[in-house]
PDB file of N, CA and C in Angstrom:
ATOM      1  N   UNK A   1      25.059 -17.482 -13.465  1.00  0.00           N
ATOM      2  CA  UNK A   1      23.630 -18.251 -14.325  1.00  0.00           C
ATOM      3  C   UNK A   1      23.704 -17.122 -15.367  1.00  0.00           C
ATOM      4  N   UNK A   2      23.569 -17.773 -16.489  1.00  0.00           N
ATOM      5  CA  UNK A   2      23.126 -16.467 -17.929  1.00  0.00           C
ATOM      6  C   UNK A   2      21.856 -17.131 -18.494  1.00  0.00           C
ATOM      7  N   UNK A   3      20.948 -16.002 -18.243  1.00  0.00           N
ATOM      8  CA  UNK A   3      19.929 -17.066 -19.231  1.00  0.00           C
ATOM      9  C   UNK A   3      19.316 -15.625 -20.511  1.00  0.00           C
ATOM     10  N   UNK A   4      19.486 -16.705 -21.511  1.00  0.00           N
ATOM     11  CA  UNK A   4      19.248 -16.232 -22.737  1.00  0.00           C
ATOM     12  C   UNK A   4      18.192 -16.427 -23.578  1.00  0.00           C
ATOM     13  N   UNK A   5      17.509 -15.624 -24.524  1.00  0.00           N
ATOM     14  CA  UNK A   5      16.762 -15.469 -25.561  1.00  0.00           C
ATOM     15  C   UNK A   5      17.181 -16.056 -26.620  1.00  0.00           C
ATOM     16  N   UNK A   6      16.660 -17.734 -26.878  1.00  0.00           N
ATOM     17  CA  UNK A   6      17.316 -17.606 -28.560  1.00  0.00           C
ATOM     18  C   UNK A   6      16.211 -17.710 -29.552  1.00  0.00           C
ATOM     19  N   UNK A   7      16.195 -17.483 -30.752  1.00  0.00           N
ATOM     20  CA  UNK A   7      15.352 -17.285 -32.115  1.00  0.00           C
ATOM     21  C   UNK A   7      15.827 -18.756 -32.725  1.00  0.00           C
ATOM     22  N   UNK A   8      14.413 -18.828 -33.595  1.00  0.00           N
ATOM     23  CA  UNK A   8      14.578 -20.180 -34.432  1.00  0.00           C
ATOM     24  C   UNK A   8      15.100 -21.888 -33.846  1.00  0.00           C
ATOM     25  N   UNK A   9      14.464 -21.875 -33.082  1.00  0.00           N
ATOM     26  CA  UNK A   9      14.763 -22.980 -31.893  1.00  0.00           C
ATOM     27  C   UNK A   9      13.306 -23.933 -32.295  1.00  0.00           C
ATOM     28  N   UNK A  10      13.577 -24.873 -33.013  1.00  0.00           N
ATOM     29  CA  UNK A  10      12.350 -25.472 -33.239  1.00  0.00           C
ATOM     30  C   UNK A  10      12.348 -26.808 -33.144  1.00  0.00           C
ATOM     31  N   UNK A  11      13.506 -27.682 -32.875  1.00  0.00           N
ATOM     32  CA  UNK A  11      13.792 -29.234 -32.561  1.00  0.00           C
ATOM     33  C   UNK A  11      14.965 -29.479 -31.798  1.00  0.00           C
ATOM     34  N   UNK A  12      15.233 -30.850 -31.660  1.00  0.00           N
ATOM     35  CA  UNK A  12      16.087 -31.276 -30.997  1.00  0.00           C
ATOM     36  C   UNK A  12      17.633 -30.780 -31.951  1.00  0.00           C
ATOM     37  N   UNK A  13      17.664 -31.025 -32.472  1.00  0.00           N
ATOM     38  CA  UNK A  13      19.052 -30.632 -33.541  1.00  0.00           C
ATOM     39  C   UNK A  13      19.551 -29.222 -33.329  1.00  0.00           C
ATOM     40  N   UNK A  14      18.480 -28.501 -33.348  1.00  0.00           N
ATOM     41  CA  UNK A  14      18.412 -26.794 -33.175  1.00  0.00           C
ATOM     42  C   UNK A  14      19.276 -26.550 -31.816  1.00  0.00           C
ATOM     43  N   UNK A  15      18.427 -27.447 -30.664  1.00  0.00           N
ATOM     44  CA  UNK A  15      19.167 -27.469 -29.405  1.00  0.00           C
ATOM     45  C   UNK A  15      20.223 -27.830 -29.154  1.00  0.00           C
ATOM     46  N   UNK A  16      20.916 -28.835 -29.667  1.00  0.00           N
ATOM     47  CA  UNK A  16      21.992 -29.209 -29.676  1.00  0.00           C
ATOM     48  C   UNK A  16      23.030 -28.530 -30.218  1.00  0.00           C
ATOM     49  N   UNK A  17      22.928 -27.891 -31.339  1.00  0.00           N
ATOM     50  CA  UNK A  17      23.921 -26.978 -31.949  1.00  0.00           C
ATOM     51  C   UNK A  17      23.785 -25.312 -30.969  1.00  0.00           C
ATOM     52  N   UNK A  18      23.265 -25.233 -30.559  1.00  0.00           N
ATOM     53  CA  UNK A  18      22.987 -23.804 -29.369  1.00  0.00           C
ATOM     54  C   UNK A  18      24.041 -24.398 -28.108  1.00  0.00           C
ATOM     55  N   UNK A  19      23.890 -25.498 -27.638  1.00  0.00           N
ATOM     56  CA  UNK A  19      24.532 -26.158 -25.957  1.00  0.00           C
ATOM     57  C   UNK A  19      26.195 -26.178 -27.088  1.00  0.00           C
ATOM     58  N   UNK A  20      26.036 -26.985 -28.398  1.00  0.00           N
ATOM     59  CA  UNK A  20      27.607 -26.911 -28.662  1.00  0.00           C
ATOM     60  C   UNK A  20      28.254 -25.196 -28.908  1.00  0.00           C
ATOM     61  N   UNK A  21      27.362 -24.624 -29.619  1.00  0.00           N
ATOM     62  CA  UNK A  21      27.881 -23.246 -29.975  1.00  0.00           C
ATOM     63  C   UNK A  21      28.246 -22.680 -28.057  1.00  0.00           C
ATOM     64  N   UNK A  22      27.236 -22.451 -27.294  1.00  0.00           N
ATOM     65  CA  UNK A  22      27.208 -21.896 -25.795  1.00  0.00           C
ATOM     66  C   UNK A  22      28.722 -22.515 -25.104  1.00  0.00           C
ATOM     67  N   UNK A  23      28.428 -23.786 -25.394  1.00  0.00           N
ATOM     68  CA  UNK A  23      30.153 -24.520 -24.272  1.00  0.00           C
ATOM     69  C   UNK A  23      31.159 -24.228 -24.891  1.00  0.00           C
ATOM     70  N   UNK A  24      31.618 -23.836 -26.308  1.00  0.00           N
ATOM     71  CA  UNK A  24      32.599 -23.501 -26.787  1.00  0.00           C
ATOM     72  C   UNK A  24      33.099 -22.223 -26.100  1.00  0.00           C
ATOM     73  N   UNK A  25      32.352 -20.935 -25.747  1.00  0.00           N
ATOM     74  CA  UNK A  25      32.700 -20.133 -25.170  1.00  0.00           C
ATOM     75  C   UNK A  25      33.394 -20.400 -23.982  1.00  0.00           C
ATOM     76  N   UNK A  26      34.844 -19.268 -23.865  1.00  0.00           N
ATOM     77  CA  UNK A  26      35.586 -19.411 -22.438  1.00  0.00           C
ATOM     78  C   UNK A  26      34.394 -19.569 -21.330  1.00  0.00           C
ATOM     79  N   UNK A  27      34.442 -20.030 -20.254  1.00  0.00           N
ATOM     80  CA  UNK A  27      34.243 -19.733 -19.243  1.00  0.00           C
ATOM     81  C   UNK A  27      32.603 -20.183 -18.772  1.00  0.00           C
ATOM     82  N   UNK A  28      32.120 -20.740 -19.716  1.00  0.00           N
ATOM     83  CA  UNK A  28      31.172 -21.954 -19.788  1.00  0.00           C
ATOM     84  C   UNK A  28      31.331 -23.351 -19.380  1.00  0.00           C
ATOM     85  N   UNK A  29      30.626 -22.884 -18.223  1.00  0.00           N
ATOM     86  CA  UNK A  29      30.740 -24.496 -17.219  1.00  0.00           C
ATOM     87  C   UNK A  29      29.711 -25.538 -17.475  1.00  0.00           C
ATOM     88  N   UNK A  30      28.680 -25.316 -18.254  1.00  0.00           N
ATOM     89  CA  UNK A  30      27.483 -26.380 -19.210  1.00  0.00           C
ATOM     90  C   UNK A  30      26.471 -25.035 -20.051  1.00  0.00           C
ATOM     91  N   UNK A  31      25.471 -25.614 -20.168  1.00  0.00           N
ATOM     92  CA  UNK A  31      24.503 -25.279 -21.127  1.00  0.00           C
ATOM     93  C   UNK A  31      23.344 -26.268 -20.612  1.00  0.00           C
ATOM     94  N   UNK A  32      21.968 -25.657 -20.731  1.00  0.00           N
ATOM     95  CA  UNK A  32      20.820 -26.231 -20.632  1.00  0.00           C
ATOM     96  C   UNK A  32      19.675 -25.936 -21.750  1.00  0.00           C
ATOM     97  N   UNK A  33      19.282 -26.446 -22.596  1.00  0.00           N
ATOM     98  CA  UNK A  33      18.091 -25.408 -23.441  1.00  0.00           C
ATOM     99  C   UNK A  33      16.992 -25.936 -22.923  1.00  0.00           C
ATOM    100  N   UNK A  34      15.859 -24.783 -22.741  1.00  0.00           N
ATOM    101  CA  UNK A  34      14.524 -24.695 -22.894  1.00  0.00           C
ATOM    102  C   UNK A  34      13.847 -24.562 -24.259  1.00  0.00           C
ATOM    103  N   UNK A  35      13.827 -25.901 -25.012  1.00  0.00           N
ATOM    104  CA  UNK A  35      13.442 -25.675 -26.241  1.00  0.00           C
ATOM    105  C   UNK A  35      11.696 -25.122 -26.294  1.00  0.00           C
ATOM    106  N   UNK A  36      10.795 -24.978 -25.331  1.00  0.00           N
ATOM    107  CA  UNK A  36       9.550 -24.584 -25.465  1.00  0.00           C
ATOM    108  C   UNK A  36       9.984 -22.992 -25.002  1.00  0.00           C
ATOM    109  N   UNK A  37      10.457 -23.085 -23.797  1.00  0.00           N
ATOM    110  CA  UNK A  37      10.449 -21.303 -23.602  1.00  0.00           C
ATOM    111  C   UNK A  37      12.013 -20.308 -24.716  1.00  0.00           C
ATOM    112  N   UNK A  38      12.432 -21.035 -25.537  1.00  0.00           N
ATOM    113  CA  UNK A  38      13.259 -20.459 -26.386  1.00  0.00           C
ATOM    114  C   UNK A  38      14.166 -19.745 -25.452  1.00  0.00           C
ATOM    115  N   UNK A  39      14.692 -20.526 -24.895  1.00  0.00           N
ATOM    116  CA  UNK A  39      15.812 -19.970 -23.614  1.00  0.00           C
ATOM    117  C   UNK A  39      16.958 -20.718 -23.520  1.00  0.00           C
ATOM    118  N   UNK A  40      18.016 -20.042 -23.408  1.00  0.00           N
ATOM    119  CA  UNK A  40      19.151 -21.144 -22.588  1.00  0.00           C
ATOM    120  C   UNK A  40      19.833 -20.473 -21.415  1.00  0.00           C
ATOM    121  N   UNK A  41      20.108 -21.825 -20.801  1.00  0.00           N
ATOM    122  CA  UNK A  41      20.552 -21.411 -19.618  1.00  0.00           C
ATOM    123  C   UNK A  41      21.433 -21.599 -19.258  1.00  0.00           C
ATOM    124  N   UNK A  42      22.712 -20.881 -18.928  1.00  0.00           N
ATOM    125  CA  UNK A  42      24.308 -21.047 -19.068  1.00  0.00           C
ATOM    126  C   UNK A  42      24.670 -20.986 -17.808  1.00  0.00           C
ATOM    127  N   UNK A  43      25.226 -22.145 -17.027  1.00  0.00           N
ATOM    128  CA  UNK A  43      26.222 -21.726 -15.745  1.00  0.00           C
ATOM    129  C   UNK A  43      28.277 -21.425 -16.281  1.00  0.00           C
ATOM    130  N   UNK A  44      28.642 -20.991 -15.365  1.00  0.00           N
ATOM    131  CA  UNK A  44      29.762 -20.391 -15.548  1.00  0.00           C
ATOM    132  C   UNK A  44      29.929 -19.100 -15.418  1.00  0.00           C
ATOM    133  N   UNK A  45      31.232 -18.454 -15.791  1.00  0.00           N
ATOM    134  CA  UNK A  45      30.914 -16.896 -15.838  1.00  0.00           C
ATOM    135  C   UNK A  45      31.523 -16.772 -16.959  1.00  0.00           C
ATOM    136  N   UNK A  46      30.406 -16.340 -17.936  1.00  0.00           N
ATOM    137  CA  UNK A  46      31.259 -16.054 -19.745  1.00  0.00           C
ATOM    138  C   UNK A  46      30.967 -14.788 -19.993  1.00  0.00           C
ATOM    139  N   UNK A  47      31.959 -14.192 -20.605  1.00  0.00           N
ATOM    140  CA  UNK A  47      31.545 -12.823 -21.139  1.00  0.00           C
ATOM    141  C   UNK A  47      30.095 -13.028 -22.016  1.00  0.00           C
ATOM    142  N   UNK A  48      29.069 -12.655 -21.015  1.00  0.00           N
ATOM    143  CA  UNK A  48      28.011 -12.556 -22.041  1.00  0.00           C
ATOM    144  C   UNK A  48      27.941 -11.401 -23.794  1.00  0.00           C
ATOM    145  N   UNK A  49      28.333 -11.065 -23.996  1.00  0.00           N
ATOM    146  CA  UNK A  49      28.543 -10.721 -25.499  1.00  0.00           C
ATOM    147  C   UNK A  49      28.784 -11.601 -26.010  1.00  0.00           C
ATOM    148  N   UNK A  50      29.978 -12.504 -25.783  1.00  0.00           N
ATOM    149  CA  UNK A  50      30.960 -13.271 -26.450  1.00  0.00           C
ATOM    150  C   UNK A  50      30.143 -14.730 -26.703  1.00  0.00           C
ATOM    151  N   UNK A  51      29.117 -14.822 -25.575  1.00  0.00           N
ATOM    152  CA  UNK A  51      28.258 -16.344 -25.240  1.00  0.00           C
ATOM    153  C   UNK A  51      26.944 -15.714 -26.633  1.00  0.00           C
ATOM    154  N   UNK A  52      26.179 -14.482 -26.672  1.00  0.00           N
ATOM    155  CA  UNK A  52      25.402 -13.916 -27.179  1.00  0.00           C
ATOM    156  C   UNK A  52      25.800 -14.083 -28.963  1.00  0.00           C
ATOM    157  N   UNK A  53      27.118 -13.710 -29.236  1.00  0.00           N
ATOM    158  CA  UNK A  53      28.023 -13.743 -30.801  1.00  0.00           C
ATOM    159  C   UNK A  53      28.201 -14.980 -31.284  1.00  0.00           C
ATOM    160  N   UNK A  54      28.302 -16.518 -30.231  1.00  0.00           N
ATOM    161  CA  UNK A  54      28.462 -17.792 -30.772  1.00  0.00           C
ATOM    162  C   UNK A  54      27.475 -18.544 -31.003  1.00  0.00           C
ATOM    163  N   UNK A  55      26.364 -17.940 -30.510  1.00  0.00           N
ATOM    164  CA  UNK A  55      25.167 -18.472 -30.198  1.00  0.00           C
ATOM    165  C   UNK A  55      24.428 -18.270 -31.494  1.00  0.00           C
ATOM    166  N   UNK A  56      24.854 -16.601 -32.176  1.00  0.00           N
ATOM    167  CA  UNK A  56      23.649 -15.859 -32.986  1.00  0.00           C
ATOM    168  C   UNK A  56      25.099 -16.701 -34.285  1.00  0.00           C
ATOM    169  N   UNK A  57      26.225 -16.437 -34.400  1.00  0.00           N
ATOM    170  CA  UNK A  57      26.934 -16.898 -35.333  1.00  0.00           C
ATOM    171  C   UNK A  57      26.370 -18.042 -35.614  1.00  0.00           C
ATOM    172  N   UNK A  58      26.134 -19.694 -34.925  1.00  0.00           N
ATOM    173  CA  UNK A  58      25.420 -20.374 -35.167  1.00  0.00           C
ATOM    174  C   UNK A  58      23.979 -20.533 -35.368  1.00  0.00           C
ATOM    175  N   UNK A  59      23.519 -19.605 -36.461  1.00  0.00           N
ATOM    176  CA  UNK A  59      22.227 -19.587 -36.691  1.00  0.00           C
ATOM    177  C   UNK A  59      21.027 -19.090 -35.818  1.00  0.00           C
ATOM    178  N   UNK A  60      21.148 -18.975 -34.828  1.00  0.00           N
ATOM    179  CA  UNK A  60      20.675 -19.298 -33.140  1.00  0.00           C
ATOM    180  C   UNK A  60      20.375 -17.375 -32.925  1.00  0.00           C
ATOM    181  N   UNK A  61      19.683 -16.478 -33.479  1.00  0.00           N
ATOM    182  CA  UNK A  61      19.518 -15.412 -32.562  1.00  0.00           C
ATOM    183  C   UNK A  61      19.178 -15.119 -31.700  1.00  0.00           C
ATOM    184  N   UNK A  62      20.558 -14.157 -30.289  1.00  0.00           N
ATOM    185  CA  UNK A  62      20.423 -14.925 -28.720  1.00  0.00           C
ATOM    186  C   UNK A  62      20.290 -13.007 -28.523  1.00  0.00           C
ATOM    187  N   UNK A  63      19.816 -13.282 -27.329  1.00  0.00           N
ATOM    188  CA  UNK A  63      19.223 -11.677 -26.757  1.00  0.00           C
ATOM    189  C   UNK A  63      19.336 -11.882 -25.159  1.00  0.00           C
ATOM    190  N   UNK A  64      19.738 -10.636 -24.062  1.00  0.00           N
ATOM    191  CA  UNK A  64      19.464 -11.185 -23.280  1.00  0.00           C
ATOM    192  C   UNK A  64      18.429 -11.568 -22.571  1.00  0.00           C
ATOM    193  N   UNK A  65      17.535 -11.692 -21.356  1.00  0.00           N
ATOM    194  CA  UNK A  65      16.418 -12.107 -21.024  1.00  0.00           C
ATOM    195  C   UNK A  65      16.029 -10.962 -20.250  1.00  0.00           C
ATOM    196  N   UNK A  66      14.920 -10.039 -20.172  1.00  0.00           N
ATOM    197  CA  UNK A  66      14.917  -9.468 -18.986  1.00  0.00           C
ATOM    198  C   UNK A  66      13.510  -9.635 -17.931  1.00  0.00           C
TER     199      UNK A  66
END
């Protein structure tokens, strides 16, 4: 499980766009967005940098949570 902080999400469309971007990355089994927390939890074994790049390229800056 990988959790990322995602900026600029404010509605259901944003959550759908982030989910779609995340699930296109190789190794991702699924993605669950927590809109209120501004996070996405991704299951599977993806390359974290590829995941961050895909979500950021979709217009939602992403970073690893600590």
